[in-house]
């Protein structure tokens, strides 16, 4: 459970960063 939660959090962070970079472009 904890492992999955950590992965989910990391995925959300990466997605946010990617979206942010795309927005900047």
Protein backbone atom coordinates (compact mmCIF):
# COMPACT_ATOMS: atom_id res chain seq x y z
CA UNK A 1 0.00 0.00 0.00
CA UNK A 2 2.69 2.49 0.99
CA UNK A 3 4.78 1.65 -2.08
CA UNK A 4 1.85 2.22 -4.40
CA UNK A 5 1.01 5.49 -2.67
CA UNK A 6 4.60 6.72 -3.08
CA UNK A 7 4.56 5.82 -6.77
CA UNK A 8 1.25 7.64 -7.23
CA UNK A 9 2.67 10.75 -5.56
CA UNK A 10 5.79 10.65 -7.75
CA UNK A 11 3.65 10.17 -10.87
CA UNK A 12 1.52 13.17 -9.94
CA UNK A 13 4.62 15.30 -9.34
CA UNK A 14 6.17 14.26 -12.67
CA UNK A 15 2.87 14.89 -14.47
CA UNK A 16 2.64 18.34 -12.90
CA UNK A 17 6.21 19.15 -13.94
CA UNK A 18 5.59 17.93 -17.49
CA UNK A 19 2.37 19.95 -17.75
CA UNK A 20 4.16 22.98 -16.33
CA UNK A 21 6.97 22.67 -18.90
CA UNK A 22 4.44 22.32 -21.71
CA UNK A 23 2.57 25.38 -20.44
CA UNK A 24 5.82 27.39 -20.40
CA UNK A 25 6.53 26.33 -23.98
